[in-house]
Amino acid sequence: MSEISNTIKKLQILNIIKQNFNTKTQRYLSRVYKKMNKTVGTETVASRTIIYVSFGGLLMKLEAQRSDVDEAIRLDDRLYLLMRKVY
């Protein structure tokens, strides 16, 4: 019984997160959420690191100083990609 109640609680929490995400991001044309479970590829050029993250067919390239990337993005982190049209 405890396992079922834990699963229900997790689903309720995920539903709340999804509702908050949709409410706060309505002004954007496209909203994508991904849990960072792996990177598609990484490169290191001089002191810069390039990370490629796949959002289900949409590939994002993140490039920054190596120290910034090592501290900012880790496995199991949640990434949000918000896109809107600029006029």
Protein backbone atom coordinates (compact mmCIF):
# COMPACT_ATOMS: atom_id res chain seq x y z
CA MET A 1 0.00 0.00 0.00
CA SER A 2 2.84 2.37 0.82
CA GLU A 3 4.35 1.98 -2.66
CA ILE A 4 1.04 2.93 -4.31
CA SER A 5 0.65 6.03 -2.14
CA ASN A 6 4.25 7.08 -2.92
CA THR A 7 3.56 6.70 -6.63
CA ILE A 8 0.39 8.78 -6.34
CA LYS A 9 2.29 11.51 -4.45
CA LYS A 10 5.00 11.58 -7.13
CA LEU A 11 2.38 11.89 -9.87
CA GLN A 12 0.67 14.72 -8.00
CA ILE A 13 3.98 16.57 -7.62
CA LEU A 14 4.78 16.11 -11.32
CA ASN A 15 1.32 17.42 -12.22
CA ILE A 16 1.87 20.55 -10.08
CA ILE A 17 5.27 21.14 -11.72
CA LYS A 18 3.72 20.76 -15.17
CA GLN A 19 0.89 23.21 -14.34
CA ASN A 20 3.35 25.81 -13.01
CA PHE A 21 5.57 25.35 -16.05
CA ASN A 22 2.65 25.86 -18.46
CA THR A 23 1.30 28.88 -16.53
CA LYS A 24 4.61 30.73 -16.30
CA THR A 25 5.65 30.10 -19.90
CA GLN A 26 2.49 30.92 -21.87
CA ARG A 27 4.04 33.91 -23.66
CA TYR A 28 6.59 31.66 -25.36
CA LEU A 29 6.02 30.06 -28.74
CA SER A 30 7.67 26.80 -27.76
CA ARG A 31 8.39 25.35 -24.32
CA VAL A 32 10.53 22.27 -23.89
CA TYR A 33 11.51 20.57 -20.64
CA LYS A 34 14.10 17.85 -20.30
CA LYS A 35 15.79 16.03 -17.49
CA MET A 36 19.50 15.89 -18.23
CA ASN A 37 20.16 12.16 -18.41
CA LYS A 38 22.96 12.30 -20.96
CA THR A 39 24.62 14.61 -23.41
CA VAL A 40 24.72 13.91 -27.11
CA GLY A 41 28.33 15.01 -27.30
CA THR A 42 30.94 17.27 -25.75
CA GLU A 43 33.97 19.04 -27.12
CA THR A 44 36.71 21.03 -25.47
CA VAL A 45 38.40 23.78 -27.45
CA ALA A 46 41.07 25.68 -25.49
CA SER A 47 39.36 26.58 -22.21
CA ARG A 48 35.81 26.40 -23.61
CA THR A 49 33.45 23.44 -23.42
CA ILE A 50 30.68 22.71 -25.91
CA ILE A 51 27.79 20.46 -24.89
CA TYR A 52 25.10 19.19 -27.26
CA VAL A 53 21.74 18.37 -25.67
CA SER A 54 18.90 16.69 -27.56
CA PHE A 55 15.30 17.80 -26.97
CA GLY A 56 13.65 15.01 -28.95
CA GLY A 57 14.98 15.95 -32.37
CA LEU A 58 15.89 19.54 -31.53
CA LEU A 59 19.62 19.74 -30.84
CA MET A 60 20.87 22.54 -28.59
CA LYS A 61 24.49 23.62 -28.48
CA LEU A 62 25.72 25.11 -25.19
CA GLU A 63 29.12 26.75 -25.23
CA ALA A 64 30.83 28.34 -22.22
CA GLN A 65 33.97 28.42 -20.14
CA ARG A 66 34.78 24.96 -18.86
CA SER A 67 34.54 25.99 -15.20
CA ASP A 68 31.06 27.49 -15.73
CA VAL A 69 29.70 24.40 -17.46
CA ASP A 70 31.15 22.00 -14.89
CA GLU A 71 29.41 23.89 -12.08
CA ALA A 72 26.13 24.68 -13.86
CA ILE A 73 25.06 21.53 -15.69
CA ARG A 74 25.13 18.06 -14.19
CA LEU A 75 23.35 14.81 -14.83
CA ASP A 76 19.78 14.70 -13.44
CA ASP A 77 19.48 18.51 -13.72
CA ARG A 78 16.35 19.84 -15.39
CA LEU A 79 16.77 21.99 -18.49
CA TYR A 80 14.13 24.33 -19.87
CA LEU A 81 14.24 25.68 -23.41
CA LEU A 82 11.91 28.63 -23.99
CA MET A 83 11.59 30.08 -27.50
CA ARG A 84 9.60 33.03 -28.72
CA LYS A 85 9.41 34.97 -31.93
CA VAL A 86 11.25 38.29 -31.87
CA TYR A 87 9.82 41.00 -34.11
